[in-house]
Amino acid sequence: MRSNVSKNEWQIMEIIWQKEEMTARDIHSVLIPSKAITTVQTYLERMAAKGLLEKRKIGPLNLYRAAVLKEEMIKESLGSIVQNAFSGSFAGFVNFLFDSSHLTLDDVQELKKLLKKQEEKQC
C-alpha cells in the first residue's frame, strides 16, 4: 500500500508535484544538497517501485514524474490512519482532532457548514 510514505518521500513528492518531470540531480539540488545524490536516487527508485513515481529514461538520464495526485495520496494516508488508529471510524478520528486542538468560533462555524453540505449530498 502506498500509504506507508516516509517524511522524505512526502518532501520529494511535494517537489515533483510542482514540476512536470525532474531528474534525480534536480530533486537533489532542491531537497537535500547536503546528502549524497545516491541517497536521492535510492529514494526515487523505491518510490517508483511503490507506484508513487513513473520513471522515463532519456539517454543516460532518468526522468521522474508523479504517478499519483496529491489529493489521492492524502486520501490514502488519512484512510490508513483512520482504519488503523480508529477502527475505521471517521467520527472517532474527527472527535480526536476536536479534542486535541483549539477550535475557534470561526472554525466551528465553518465545520458546521461543511457538515451541512455533506448531509445534503447524502440525501
PDB file of N, CA and C in Angstrom:
ATOM      1  N   MET A   1       0.841  -1.190   0.000  1.00  0.00           N
ATOM      2  CA  MET A   1       0.000   0.000   0.000  1.00  0.00           C
ATOM      3  C   MET A   1       0.881   1.248   0.000  1.00  0.00           C
ATOM      4  N   ARG A   2       0.462   2.237  -0.769  1.00  0.00           N
ATOM      5  CA  ARG A   2       1.260   3.451  -0.891  1.00  0.00           C
ATOM      6  C   ARG A   2       1.159   4.363   0.309  1.00  0.00           C
ATOM      7  N   SER A   3       0.242   4.073   1.225  1.00  0.00           N
ATOM      8  CA  SER A   3       0.041   4.992   2.350  1.00  0.00           C
ATOM      9  C   SER A   3       1.220   4.998   3.318  1.00  0.00           C
ATOM     10  N   ASN A   4       2.098   4.031   3.212  1.00  0.00           N
ATOM     11  CA  ASN A   4       3.282   3.981   4.068  1.00  0.00           C
ATOM     12  C   ASN A   4       4.386   4.810   3.418  1.00  0.00           C
ATOM     13  N   VAL A   5       4.245   6.116   3.505  1.00  0.00           N
ATOM     14  CA  VAL A   5       5.151   7.048   2.838  1.00  0.00           C
ATOM     15  C   VAL A   5       5.936   7.805   3.903  1.00  0.00           C
ATOM     16  N   SER A   6       7.260   7.806   3.759  1.00  0.00           N
ATOM     17  CA  SER A   6       8.121   8.472   4.743  1.00  0.00           C
ATOM     18  C   SER A   6       8.092   9.991   4.558  1.00  0.00           C
ATOM     19  N   LYS A   7       8.611  10.686   5.557  1.00  0.00           N
ATOM     20  CA  LYS A   7       8.686  12.155   5.513  1.00  0.00           C
ATOM     21  C   LYS A   7       9.499  12.616   4.289  1.00  0.00           C
ATOM     22  N   ASN A   8      10.638  11.976   4.041  1.00  0.00           N
ATOM     23  CA  ASN A   8      11.466  12.360   2.894  1.00  0.00           C
ATOM     24  C   ASN A   8      10.747  12.090   1.576  1.00  0.00           C
ATOM     25  N   GLU A   9       9.977  11.007   1.518  1.00  0.00           N
ATOM     26  CA  GLU A   9       9.215  10.717   0.299  1.00  0.00           C
ATOM     27  C   GLU A   9       8.130  11.768   0.075  1.00  0.00           C
ATOM     28  N   TRP A  10       7.475  12.203   1.148  1.00  0.00           N
ATOM     29  CA  TRP A  10       6.492  13.287   1.020  1.00  0.00           C
ATOM     30  C   TRP A  10       7.173  14.554   0.492  1.00  0.00           C
ATOM     31  N   GLN A  11       8.369  14.860   1.013  1.00  0.00           N
ATOM     32  CA  GLN A  11       9.086  16.058   0.568  1.00  0.00           C
ATOM     33  C   GLN A  11       9.423  15.955  -0.923  1.00  0.00           C
ATOM     34  N   ILE A  12       9.862  14.798  -1.346  1.00  0.00           N
ATOM     35  CA  ILE A  12      10.176  14.599  -2.766  1.00  0.00           C
ATOM     36  C   ILE A  12       8.912  14.751  -3.613  1.00  0.00           C
ATOM     37  N   MET A  13       7.815  14.169  -3.159  1.00  0.00           N
ATOM     38  CA  MET A  13       6.564  14.284  -3.912  1.00  0.00           C
ATOM     39  C   MET A  13       6.126  15.746  -4.022  1.00  0.00           C
ATOM     40  N   GLU A  14       6.266  16.511  -2.943  1.00  0.00           N
ATOM     41  CA  GLU A  14       5.895  17.935  -2.977  1.00  0.00           C
ATOM     42  C   GLU A  14       6.671  18.664  -4.074  1.00  0.00           C
ATOM     43  N   ILE A  15       7.943  18.335  -4.208  1.00  0.00           N
ATOM     44  CA  ILE A  15       8.784  18.969  -5.230  1.00  0.00           C
ATOM     45  C   ILE A  15       8.332  18.544  -6.621  1.00  0.00           C
ATOM     46  N   ILE A  16       8.097  17.262  -6.796  1.00  0.00           N
ATOM     47  CA  ILE A  16       7.737  16.738  -8.114  1.00  0.00           C
ATOM     48  C   ILE A  16       6.345  17.202  -8.532  1.00  0.00           C
ATOM     49  N   TRP A  17       5.399  17.320  -7.594  1.00  0.00           N
ATOM     50  CA  TRP A  17       4.064  17.802  -7.948  1.00  0.00           C
ATOM     51  C   TRP A  17       4.106  19.207  -8.527  1.00  0.00           C
ATOM     52  N   GLN A  18       5.139  19.983  -8.186  1.00  0.00           N
ATOM     53  CA  GLN A  18       5.245  21.353  -8.689  1.00  0.00           C
ATOM     54  C   GLN A  18       5.839  21.414 -10.097  1.00  0.00           C
ATOM     55  N   LYS A  19       6.480  20.341 -10.515  1.00  0.00           N
ATOM     56  CA  LYS A  19       7.124  20.301 -11.838  1.00  0.00           C
ATOM     57  C   LYS A  19       6.526  19.167 -12.658  1.00  0.00           C
ATOM     58  N   GLU A  20       6.759  19.180 -13.938  1.00  0.00           N
ATOM     59  CA  GLU A  20       6.274  18.110 -14.811  1.00  0.00           C
ATOM     60  C   GLU A  20       7.132  16.855 -14.639  1.00  0.00           C
ATOM     61  N   GLU A  21       8.407  16.996 -14.886  1.00  0.00           N
ATOM     62  CA  GLU A  21       9.364  15.892 -14.743  1.00  0.00           C
ATOM     63  C   GLU A  21      10.665  16.449 -14.194  1.00  0.00           C
ATOM     64  N   MET A  22      11.376  15.607 -13.445  1.00  0.00           N
ATOM     65  CA  MET A  22      12.640  16.054 -12.864  1.00  0.00           C
ATOM     66  C   MET A  22      13.638  14.905 -12.853  1.00  0.00           C
ATOM     67  N   THR A  23      14.907  15.258 -12.910  1.00  0.00           N
ATOM     68  CA  THR A  23      15.965  14.264 -12.752  1.00  0.00           C
ATOM     69  C   THR A  23      16.303  14.153 -11.263  1.00  0.00           C
ATOM     70  N   ALA A  24      17.039  13.123 -10.930  1.00  0.00           N
ATOM     71  CA  ALA A  24      17.493  12.958  -9.544  1.00  0.00           C
ATOM     72  C   ALA A  24      18.337  14.159  -9.126  1.00  0.00           C
ATOM     73  N   ARG A  25      19.159  14.649 -10.029  1.00  0.00           N
ATOM     74  CA  ARG A  25      20.016  15.798  -9.716  1.00  0.00           C
ATOM     75  C   ARG A  25      19.177  17.054  -9.440  1.00  0.00           C
ATOM     76  N   ASP A  26      18.113  17.258 -10.227  1.00  0.00           N
ATOM     77  CA  ASP A  26      17.212  18.402  -9.997  1.00  0.00           C
ATOM     78  C   ASP A  26      16.604  18.330  -8.599  1.00  0.00           C
ATOM     79  N   ILE A  27      16.105  17.161  -8.251  1.00  0.00           N
ATOM     80  CA  ILE A  27      15.472  16.957  -6.952  1.00  0.00           C
ATOM     81  C   ILE A  27      16.499  17.120  -5.841  1.00  0.00           C
ATOM     82  N   HIS A  28      17.669  16.565  -6.039  1.00  0.00           N
ATOM     83  CA  HIS A  28      18.748  16.650  -5.064  1.00  0.00           C
ATOM     84  C   HIS A  28      19.093  18.103  -4.763  1.00  0.00           C
ATOM     85  N   SER A  29      19.180  18.928  -5.797  1.00  0.00           N
ATOM     86  CA  SER A  29      19.572  20.332  -5.596  1.00  0.00           C
ATOM     87  C   SER A  29      18.514  21.109  -4.814  1.00  0.00           C
ATOM     88  N   VAL A  30      17.258  20.728  -4.934  1.00  0.00           N
ATOM     89  CA  VAL A  30      16.181  21.421  -4.223  1.00  0.00           C
ATOM     90  C   VAL A  30      16.000  20.864  -2.819  1.00  0.00           C
ATOM     91  N   LEU A  31      16.071  19.558  -2.691  1.00  0.00           N
ATOM     92  CA  LEU A  31      15.688  18.894  -1.448  1.00  0.00           C
ATOM     93  C   LEU A  31      16.793  18.825  -0.417  1.00  0.00           C
ATOM     94  N   ILE A  32      17.802  18.072  -0.721  1.00  0.00           N
ATOM     95  CA  ILE A  32      18.837  17.811   0.282  1.00  0.00           C
ATOM     96  C   ILE A  32      20.232  17.842  -0.345  1.00  0.00           C
ATOM     97  N   PRO A  33      20.702  19.016  -0.750  1.00  0.00           N
ATOM     98  CA  PRO A  33      22.019  19.080  -1.380  1.00  0.00           C
ATOM     99  C   PRO A  33      23.160  18.655  -0.454  1.00  0.00           C
ATOM    100  N   SER A  34      22.881  18.620   0.856  1.00  0.00           N
ATOM    101  CA  SER A  34      23.938  18.204   1.782  1.00  0.00           C
ATOM    102  C   SER A  34      24.113  16.687   1.808  1.00  0.00           C
ATOM    103  N   LYS A  35      23.145  15.942   1.266  1.00  0.00           N
ATOM    104  CA  LYS A  35      23.241  14.481   1.225  1.00  0.00           C
ATOM    105  C   LYS A  35      23.739  14.036  -0.139  1.00  0.00           C
ATOM    106  N   ALA A  36      24.191  12.827  -0.197  1.00  0.00           N
ATOM    107  CA  ALA A  36      24.722  12.283  -1.452  1.00  0.00           C
ATOM    108  C   ALA A  36      23.606  12.116  -2.472  1.00  0.00           C
ATOM    109  N   ILE A  37      23.922  12.340  -3.725  1.00  0.00           N
ATOM    110  CA  ILE A  37      22.959  12.161  -4.808  1.00  0.00           C
ATOM    111  C   ILE A  37      22.451  10.720  -4.837  1.00  0.00           C
ATOM    112  N   THR A  38      23.288   9.787  -4.429  1.00  0.00           N
ATOM    113  CA  THR A  38      22.873   8.375  -4.434  1.00  0.00           C
ATOM    114  C   THR A  38      21.731   8.131  -3.442  1.00  0.00           C
ATOM    115  N   THR A  39      21.684   8.909  -2.366  1.00  0.00           N
ATOM    116  CA  THR A  39      20.582   8.786  -1.408  1.00  0.00           C
ATOM    117  C   THR A  39      19.262   9.173  -2.070  1.00  0.00           C
ATOM    118  N   VAL A  40      19.283  10.267  -2.805  1.00  0.00           N
ATOM    119  CA  VAL A  40      18.087  10.714  -3.524  1.00  0.00           C
ATOM    120  C   VAL A  40      17.704   9.674  -4.569  1.00  0.00           C
ATOM    121  N   GLN A  41      18.681   9.148  -5.298  1.00  0.00           N
ATOM    122  CA  GLN A  41      18.399   8.132  -6.311  1.00  0.00           C
ATOM    123  C   GLN A  41      17.759   6.888  -5.685  1.00  0.00           C
ATOM    124  N   THR A  42      18.222   6.500  -4.506  1.00  0.00           N
ATOM    125  CA  THR A  42      17.651   5.350  -3.811  1.00  0.00           C
ATOM    126  C   THR A  42      16.191   5.620  -3.465  1.00  0.00           C
ATOM    127  N   TYR A  43      15.906   6.803  -2.928  1.00  0.00           N
ATOM    128  CA  TYR A  43      14.525   7.175  -2.635  1.00  0.00           C
ATOM    129  C   TYR A  43      13.663   7.112  -3.890  1.00  0.00           C
ATOM    130  N   LEU A  44      14.164   7.674  -4.980  1.00  0.00           N
ATOM    131  CA  LEU A  44      13.387   7.714  -6.216  1.00  0.00           C
ATOM    132  C   LEU A  44      13.077   6.309  -6.738  1.00  0.00           C
ATOM    133  N   GLU A  45      14.044   5.424  -6.665  1.00  0.00           N
ATOM    134  CA  GLU A  45      13.823   4.043  -7.117  1.00  0.00           C
ATOM    135  C   GLU A  45      12.782   3.347  -6.237  1.00  0.00           C
ATOM    136  N   ARG A  46      12.878   3.540  -4.938  1.00  0.00           N
ATOM    137  CA  ARG A  46      11.887   2.943  -4.016  1.00  0.00           C
ATOM    138  C   ARG A  46      10.491   3.498  -4.294  1.00  0.00           C
ATOM    139  N   MET A  47      10.422   4.803  -4.524  1.00  0.00           N
ATOM    140  CA  MET A  47       9.135   5.435  -4.770  1.00  0.00           C
ATOM    141  C   MET A  47       8.522   4.966  -6.091  1.00  0.00           C
ATOM    142  N   ALA A  48       9.368   4.732  -7.085  1.00  0.00           N
ATOM    143  CA  ALA A  48       8.880   4.191  -8.359  1.00  0.00           C
ATOM    144  C   ALA A  48       8.349   2.769  -8.141  1.00  0.00           C
ATOM    145  N   ALA A  49       9.045   1.987  -7.333  1.00  0.00           N
ATOM    146  CA  ALA A  49       8.603   0.621  -7.033  1.00  0.00           C
ATOM    147  C   ALA A  49       7.274   0.618  -6.270  1.00  0.00           C
ATOM    148  N   LYS A  50       7.044   1.627  -5.442  1.00  0.00           N
ATOM    149  CA  LYS A  50       5.788   1.743  -4.690  1.00  0.00           C
ATOM    150  C   LYS A  50       4.641   2.240  -5.562  1.00  0.00           C
ATOM    151  N   GLY A  51       4.956   2.729  -6.750  1.00  0.00           N
ATOM    152  CA  GLY A  51       3.921   3.269  -7.619  1.00  0.00           C
ATOM    153  C   GLY A  51       3.648   4.743  -7.417  1.00  0.00           C
ATOM    154  N   LEU A  52       4.520   5.421  -6.661  1.00  0.00           N
ATOM    155  CA  LEU A  52       4.352   6.855  -6.444  1.00  0.00           C
ATOM    156  C   LEU A  52       4.870   7.672  -7.620  1.00  0.00           C
ATOM    157  N   LEU A  53       5.905   7.164  -8.269  1.00  0.00           N
ATOM    158  CA  LEU A  53       6.549   7.863  -9.378  1.00  0.00           C
ATOM    159  C   LEU A  53       6.573   6.992 -10.620  1.00  0.00           C
ATOM    160  N   GLU A  54       6.610   7.648 -11.762  1.00  0.00           N
ATOM    161  CA  GLU A  54       6.875   6.985 -13.038  1.00  0.00           C
ATOM    162  C   GLU A  54       8.273   7.408 -13.458  1.00  0.00           C
ATOM    163  N   LYS A  55       9.012   6.467 -14.021  1.00  0.00           N
ATOM    164  CA  LYS A  55      10.383   6.750 -14.441  1.00  0.00           C
ATOM    165  C   LYS A  55      10.472   6.583 -15.954  1.00  0.00           C
ATOM    166  N   ARG A  56      11.140   7.542 -16.592  1.00  0.00           N
ATOM    167  CA  ARG A  56      11.339   7.507 -18.037  1.00  0.00           C
ATOM    168  C   ARG A  56      12.809   7.781 -18.310  1.00  0.00           C
ATOM    169  N   LYS A  57      13.408   6.940 -19.132  1.00  0.00           N
ATOM    170  CA  LYS A  57      14.837   7.073 -19.429  1.00  0.00           C
ATOM    171  C   LYS A  57      15.019   7.787 -20.768  1.00  0.00           C
ATOM    172  N   ILE A  58      15.855   8.827 -20.741  1.00  0.00           N
ATOM    173  CA  ILE A  58      16.247   9.530 -21.964  1.00  0.00           C
ATOM    174  C   ILE A  58      17.761   9.582 -21.964  1.00  0.00           C
ATOM    175  N   GLY A  59      18.360   8.767 -22.803  1.00  0.00           N
ATOM    176  CA  GLY A  59      19.819   8.659 -22.818  1.00  0.00           C
ATOM    177  C   GLY A  59      20.289   8.200 -21.444  1.00  0.00           C
ATOM    178  N   PRO A  60      21.251   8.902 -20.875  1.00  0.00           N
ATOM    179  CA  PRO A  60      21.757   8.490 -19.561  1.00  0.00           C
ATOM    180  C   PRO A  60      20.897   8.989 -18.380  1.00  0.00           C
ATOM    181  N   LEU A  61      19.911   9.822 -18.679  1.00  0.00           N
ATOM    182  CA  LEU A  61      19.114  10.431 -17.611  1.00  0.00           C
ATOM    183  C   LEU A  61      17.835   9.659 -17.329  1.00  0.00           C
ATOM    184  N   ASN A  62      17.497   9.571 -16.054  1.00  0.00           N
ATOM    185  CA  ASN A  62      16.190   9.082 -15.629  1.00  0.00           C
ATOM    186  C   ASN A  62      15.356  10.290 -15.257  1.00  0.00           C
ATOM    187  N   LEU A  63      14.179  10.394 -15.841  1.00  0.00           N
ATOM    188  CA  LEU A  63      13.251  11.467 -15.515  1.00  0.00           C
ATOM    189  C   LEU A  63      12.115  10.880 -14.697  1.00  0.00           C
ATOM    190  N   TYR A  64      11.759  11.584 -13.632  1.00  0.00           N
ATOM    191  CA  TYR A  64      10.721  11.113 -12.725  1.00  0.00           C
ATOM    192  C   TYR A  64       9.557  12.090 -12.746  1.00  0.00           C
ATOM    193  N   ARG A  65       8.362  11.535 -12.700  1.00  0.00           N
ATOM    194  CA  ARG A  65       7.142  12.339 -12.613  1.00  0.00           C
ATOM    195  C   ARG A  65       6.185  11.659 -11.653  1.00  0.00           C
ATOM    196  N   ALA A  66       5.274  12.424 -11.088  1.00  0.00           N
ATOM    197  CA  ALA A  66       4.315  11.874 -10.130  1.00  0.00           C
ATOM    198  C   ALA A  66       3.382  10.900 -10.837  1.00  0.00           C
ATOM    199  N   ALA A  67       3.157   9.763 -10.197  1.00  0.00           N
ATOM    200  CA  ALA A  67       2.216   8.763 -10.706  1.00  0.00           C
ATOM    201  C   ALA A  67       0.882   8.845  -9.984  1.00  0.00           C
ATOM    202  N   VAL A  68       0.835   9.646  -8.924  1.00  0.00           N
ATOM    203  CA  VAL A  68      -0.396   9.830  -8.152  1.00  0.00           C
ATOM    204  C   VAL A  68      -0.624  11.312  -7.897  1.00  0.00           C
ATOM    205  N   LEU A  69      -1.879  11.668  -7.808  1.00  0.00           N
ATOM    206  CA  LEU A  69      -2.233  13.039  -7.459  1.00  0.00           C
ATOM    207  C   LEU A  69      -2.042  13.250  -5.961  1.00  0.00           C
ATOM    208  N   LYS A  70      -1.759  14.470  -5.590  1.00  0.00           N
ATOM    209  CA  LYS A  70      -1.565  14.799  -4.177  1.00  0.00           C
ATOM    210  C   LYS A  70      -2.807  14.435  -3.356  1.00  0.00           C
ATOM    211  N   GLU A  71      -3.975  14.780  -3.875  1.00  0.00           N
ATOM    212  CA  GLU A  71      -5.223  14.500  -3.163  1.00  0.00           C
ATOM    213  C   GLU A  71      -5.410  12.999  -2.937  1.00  0.00           C
ATOM    214  N   GLU A  72      -5.034  12.206  -3.940  1.00  0.00           N
ATOM    215  CA  GLU A  72      -5.151  10.753  -3.830  1.00  0.00           C
ATOM    216  C   GLU A  72      -4.226  10.223  -2.734  1.00  0.00           C
ATOM    217  N   MET A  73      -3.013  10.740  -2.673  1.00  0.00           N
ATOM    218  CA  MET A  73      -2.052  10.286  -1.677  1.00  0.00           C
ATOM    219  C   MET A  73      -2.493  10.690  -0.266  1.00  0.00           C
ATOM    220  N   ILE A  74      -3.022  11.886  -0.125  1.00  0.00           N
ATOM    221  CA  ILE A  74      -3.528  12.333   1.177  1.00  0.00           C
ATOM    222  C   ILE A  74      -4.691  11.446   1.602  1.00  0.00           C
ATOM    223  N   LYS A  75      -5.601  11.185   0.678  1.00  0.00           N
ATOM    224  CA  LYS A  75      -6.775  10.355   0.983  1.00  0.00           C
ATOM    225  C   LYS A  75      -6.345   8.959   1.434  1.00  0.00           C
ATOM    226  N   GLU A  76      -5.387   8.364   0.744  1.00  0.00           N
ATOM    227  CA  GLU A  76      -4.897   7.036   1.128  1.00  0.00           C
ATOM    228  C   GLU A  76      -4.228   7.059   2.500  1.00  0.00           C
ATOM    229  N   SER A  77      -3.407   8.068   2.736  1.00  0.00           N
ATOM    230  CA  SER A  77      -2.695   8.155   4.015  1.00  0.00           C
ATOM    231  C   SER A  77      -3.660   8.352   5.176  1.00  0.00           C
ATOM    232  N   LEU A  78      -4.596   9.287   5.018  1.00  0.00           N
ATOM    233  CA  LEU A  78      -5.568   9.522   6.084  1.00  0.00           C
ATOM    234  C   LEU A  78      -6.482   8.317   6.272  1.00  0.00           C
ATOM    235  N   GLY A  79      -6.856   7.680   5.170  1.00  0.00           N
ATOM    236  CA  GLY A  79      -7.690   6.478   5.258  1.00  0.00           C
ATOM    237  C   GLY A  79      -7.002   5.381   6.051  1.00  0.00           C
ATOM    238  N   SER A  80      -5.712   5.242   5.850  1.00  0.00           N
ATOM    239  CA  SER A  80      -4.941   4.241   6.580  1.00  0.00           C
ATOM    240  C   SER A  80      -4.895   4.575   8.075  1.00  0.00           C
ATOM    241  N   ILE A  81      -4.703   5.837   8.401  1.00  0.00           N
ATOM    242  CA  ILE A  81      -4.685   6.260   9.805  1.00  0.00           C
ATOM    243  C   ILE A  81      -6.035   5.987  10.453  1.00  0.00           C
ATOM    244  N   VAL A  82      -7.109   6.366   9.766  1.00  0.00           N
ATOM    245  CA  VAL A  82      -8.452   6.150  10.308  1.00  0.00           C
ATOM    246  C   VAL A  82      -8.695   4.655  10.512  1.00  0.00           C
ATOM    247  N   GLN A  83      -8.317   3.858   9.534  1.00  0.00           N
ATOM    248  CA  GLN A  83      -8.523   2.408   9.632  1.00  0.00           C
ATOM    249  C   GLN A  83      -7.723   1.804  10.783  1.00  0.00           C
ATOM    250  N   ASN A  84      -6.465   2.158  10.872  1.00  0.00           N
ATOM    251  CA  ASN A  84      -5.587   1.534  11.869  1.00  0.00           C
ATOM    252  C   ASN A  84      -5.747   2.093  13.275  1.00  0.00           C
ATOM    253  N   ALA A  85      -5.878   3.394  13.400  1.00  0.00           N
ATOM    254  CA  ALA A  85      -5.898   4.010  14.730  1.00  0.00           C
ATOM    255  C   ALA A  85      -7.312   4.184  15.298  1.00  0.00           C
ATOM    256  N   PHE A  86      -8.325   4.208  14.421  1.00  0.00           N
ATOM    257  CA  PHE A  86      -9.682   4.481  14.877  1.00  0.00           C
ATOM    258  C   PHE A  86     -10.678   3.419  14.418  1.00  0.00           C
ATOM    259  N   SER A  87     -10.159   2.231  14.099  1.00  0.00           N
ATOM    260  CA  SER A  87     -11.003   1.098  13.666  1.00  0.00           C
ATOM    261  C   SER A  87     -11.958   1.488  12.544  1.00  0.00           C
ATOM    262  N   GLY A  88     -11.497   2.361  11.662  1.00  0.00           N
ATOM    263  CA  GLY A  88     -12.296   2.763  10.509  1.00  0.00           C
ATOM    264  C   GLY A  88     -13.344   3.825  10.796  1.00  0.00           C
ATOM    265  N   SER A  89     -13.373   4.357  11.996  1.00  0.00           N
ATOM    266  CA  SER A  89     -14.396   5.339  12.369  1.00  0.00           C
ATOM    267  C   SER A  89     -13.908   6.759  12.075  1.00  0.00           C
ATOM    268  N   PHE A  90     -14.516   7.381  11.065  1.00  0.00           N
ATOM    269  CA  PHE A  90     -14.177   8.774  10.768  1.00  0.00           C
ATOM    270  C   PHE A  90     -14.663   9.686  11.882  1.00  0.00           C
ATOM    271  N   ALA A  91     -15.789   9.332  12.508  1.00  0.00           N
ATOM    272  CA  ALA A  91     -16.288  10.125  13.633  1.00  0.00           C
ATOM    273  C   ALA A  91     -15.279  10.092  14.781  1.00  0.00           C
ATOM    274  N   GLY A  92     -14.688   8.928  15.041  1.00  0.00           N
ATOM    275  CA  GLY A  92     -13.658   8.821  16.076  1.00  0.00           C
ATOM    276  C   GLY A  92     -12.440   9.657  15.748  1.00  0.00           C
ATOM    277  N   PHE A  93     -12.060   9.653  14.483  1.00  0.00           N
ATOM    278  CA  PHE A  93     -10.921  10.457  14.013  1.00  0.00           C
ATOM    279  C   PHE A  93     -11.197  11.952  14.216  1.00  0.00           C
ATOM    280  N   VAL A  94     -12.382  12.399  13.791  1.00  0.00           N
ATOM    281  CA  VAL A  94     -12.742  13.815  13.913  1.00  0.00           C
ATOM    282  C   VAL A  94     -12.855  14.207  15.385  1.00  0.00           C
ATOM    283  N   ASN A  95     -13.434  13.333  16.185  1.00  0.00           N
ATOM    284  CA  ASN A  95     -13.537  13.609  17.617  1.00  0.00           C
ATOM    285  C   ASN A  95     -12.147  13.787  18.233  1.00  0.00           C
ATOM    286  N   PHE A  96     -11.215  12.936  17.834  1.00  0.00           N
ATOM    287  CA  PHE A  96      -9.831  13.054  18.304  1.00  0.00           C
ATOM    288  C   PHE A  96      -9.248  14.407  17.915  1.00  0.00           C
ATOM    289  N   LEU A  97      -9.461  14.820  16.674  1.00  0.00           N
ATOM    290  CA  LEU A  97      -8.952  16.114  16.211  1.00  0.00           C
ATOM    291  C   LEU A  97      -9.565  17.259  17.011  1.00  0.00           C
ATOM    292  N   PHE A  98     -10.869  17.168  17.272  1.00  0.00           N
ATOM    293  CA  PHE A  98     -11.536  18.220  18.052  1.00  0.00           C
ATOM    294  C   PHE A  98     -10.965  18.289  19.454  1.00  0.00           C
ATOM    295  N   ASP A  99     -10.771  17.141  20.075  1.00  0.00           N
ATOM    296  CA  ASP A  99     -10.272  17.102  21.450  1.00  0.00           C
ATOM    297  C   ASP A  99      -8.821  17.567  21.564  1.00  0.00           C
ATOM    298  N   SER A 100      -8.050  17.390  20.497  1.00  0.00           N
ATOM    299  CA  SER A 100      -6.621  17.691  20.584  1.00  0.00           C
ATOM    300  C   SER A 100      -6.242  19.045  19.984  1.00  0.00           C
ATOM    301  N   SER A 101      -7.245  19.819  19.577  1.00  0.00           N
ATOM    302  CA  SER A 101      -6.916  21.131  19.008  1.00  0.00           C
ATOM    303  C   SER A 101      -7.799  22.200  19.644  1.00  0.00           C
ATOM    304  N   HIS A 102      -7.409  23.423  19.434  1.00  0.00           N
ATOM    305  CA  HIS A 102      -8.150  24.562  19.967  1.00  0.00           C
ATOM    306  C   HIS A 102      -8.918  25.204  18.815  1.00  0.00           C
ATOM    307  N   LEU A 103     -10.183  24.856  18.718  1.00  0.00           N
ATOM    308  CA  LEU A 103     -11.005  25.384  17.638  1.00  0.00           C
ATOM    309  C   LEU A 103     -11.528  26.766  18.008  1.00  0.00           C
ATOM    310  N   THR A 104     -11.458  27.670  17.053  1.00  0.00           N
ATOM    311  CA  THR A 104     -12.040  28.990  17.245  1.00  0.00           C
ATOM    312  C   THR A 104     -13.524  28.926  16.890  1.00  0.00           C
ATOM    313  N   LEU A 105     -14.249  29.948  17.221  1.00  0.00           N
ATOM    314  CA  LEU A 105     -15.659  30.025  16.859  1.00  0.00           C
ATOM    315  C   LEU A 105     -15.812  29.984  15.341  1.00  0.00           C
ATOM    316  N   ASP A 106     -14.912  30.658  14.631  1.00  0.00           N
ATOM    317  CA  ASP A 106     -14.939  30.633  13.162  1.00  0.00           C
ATOM    318  C   ASP A 106     -14.732  29.210  12.639  1.00  0.00           C
ATOM    319  N   ASP A 107     -13.812  28.459  13.258  1.00  0.00           N
ATOM    320  CA  ASP A 107     -13.581  27.065  12.864  1.00  0.00           C
ATOM    321  C   ASP A 107     -14.855  26.243  13.041  1.00  0.00           C
ATOM    322  N   VAL A 108     -15.526  26.420  14.169  1.00  0.00           N
ATOM    323  CA  VAL A 108     -16.751  25.672  14.461  1.00  0.00           C
ATOM    324  C   VAL A 108     -17.831  26.009  13.431  1.00  0.00           C
ATOM    325  N   GLN A 109     -17.973  27.286  13.107  1.00  0.00           N
ATOM    326  CA  GLN A 109     -18.972  27.701  12.114  1.00  0.00           C
ATOM    327  C   GLN A 109     -18.666  27.089  10.741  1.00  0.00           C
ATOM    328  N   GLU A 110     -17.403  27.094  10.367  1.00  0.00           N
ATOM    329  CA  GLU A 110     -17.003  26.516   9.080  1.00  0.00           C
ATOM    330  C   GLU A 110     -17.268  25.009   9.057  1.00  0.00           C
ATOM    331  N   LEU A 111     -16.983  24.343  10.159  1.00  0.00           N
ATOM    332  CA  LEU A 111     -17.237  22.903  10.244  1.00  0.00           C
ATOM    333  C   LEU A 111     -18.725  22.593  10.154  1.00  0.00           C
ATOM    334  N   LYS A 112     -19.545  23.421  10.761  1.00  0.00           N
ATOM    335  CA  LYS A 112     -20.996  23.238  10.660  1.00  0.00           C
ATOM    336  C   LYS A 112     -21.451  23.331   9.206  1.00  0.00           C
ATOM    337  N   LYS A 113     -20.905  24.306   8.475  1.00  0.00           N
ATOM    338  CA  LYS A 113     -21.248  24.459   7.060  1.00  0.00           C
ATOM    339  C   LYS A 113     -20.835  23.220   6.266  1.00  0.00           C
ATOM    340  N   LEU A 114     -19.641  22.716   6.555  1.00  0.00           N
ATOM    341  CA  LEU A 114     -19.154  21.524   5.847  1.00  0.00           C
ATOM    342  C   LEU A 114     -20.024  20.307   6.147  1.00  0.00           C
ATOM    343  N   LEU A 115     -20.426  20.152   7.403  1.00  0.00           N
ATOM    344  CA  LEU A 115     -21.288  19.029   7.781  1.00  0.00           C
ATOM    345  C   LEU A 115     -22.660  19.140   7.105  1.00  0.00           C
ATOM    346  N   LYS A 116     -23.191  20.337   7.072  1.00  0.00           N
ATOM    347  CA  LYS A 116     -24.493  20.547   6.420  1.00  0.00           C
ATOM    348  C   LYS A 116     -24.396  20.210   4.932  1.00  0.00           C
ATOM    349  N   LYS A 117     -23.330  20.646   4.305  1.00  0.00           N
ATOM    350  CA  LYS A 117     -23.115  20.371   2.880  1.00  0.00           C
ATOM    351  C   LYS A 117     -23.011  18.855   2.647  1.00  0.00           C
ATOM    352  N   GLN A 118     -22.297  18.165   3.528  1.00  0.00           N
ATOM    353  CA  GLN A 118     -22.145  16.712   3.424  1.00  0.00           C
ATOM    354  C   GLN A 118     -23.488  16.015   3.623  1.00  0.00           C
ATOM    355  N   GLU A 119     -24.281  16.504   4.576  1.00  0.00           N
ATOM    356  CA  GLU A 119     -25.612  15.951   4.829  1.00  0.00           C
ATOM    357  C   GLU A 119     -26.495  16.074   3.592  1.00  0.00           C
ATOM    358  N   GLU A 120     -26.432  17.237   2.944  1.00  0.00           N
ATOM    359  CA  GLU A 120     -27.241  17.472   1.748  1.00  0.00           C
ATOM    360  C   GLU A 120     -26.833  16.532   0.606  1.00  0.00           C
ATOM    361  N   LYS A 121     -25.555  16.218   0.517  1.00  0.00           N
ATOM    362  CA  LYS A 121     -25.082  15.265  -0.500  1.00  0.00           C
ATOM    363  C   LYS A 121     -25.648  13.880  -0.255  1.00  0.00           C
ATOM    364  N   GLN A 122     -25.787  13.505   1.022  1.00  0.00           N
ATOM    365  CA  GLN A 122     -26.250  12.172   1.400  1.00  0.00           C
ATOM    366  C   GLN A 122     -27.730  11.968   1.109  1.00  0.00           C
ATOM    367  N   CYS A 123     -28.493  13.078   1.119  1.00  0.00           N
ATOM    368  CA  CYS A 123     -29.950  12.963   0.937  1.00  0.00           C
ATOM    369  C   CYS A 123     -30.342  12.862  -0.512  1.00  0.00           C
TER     370      CYS A 123
END
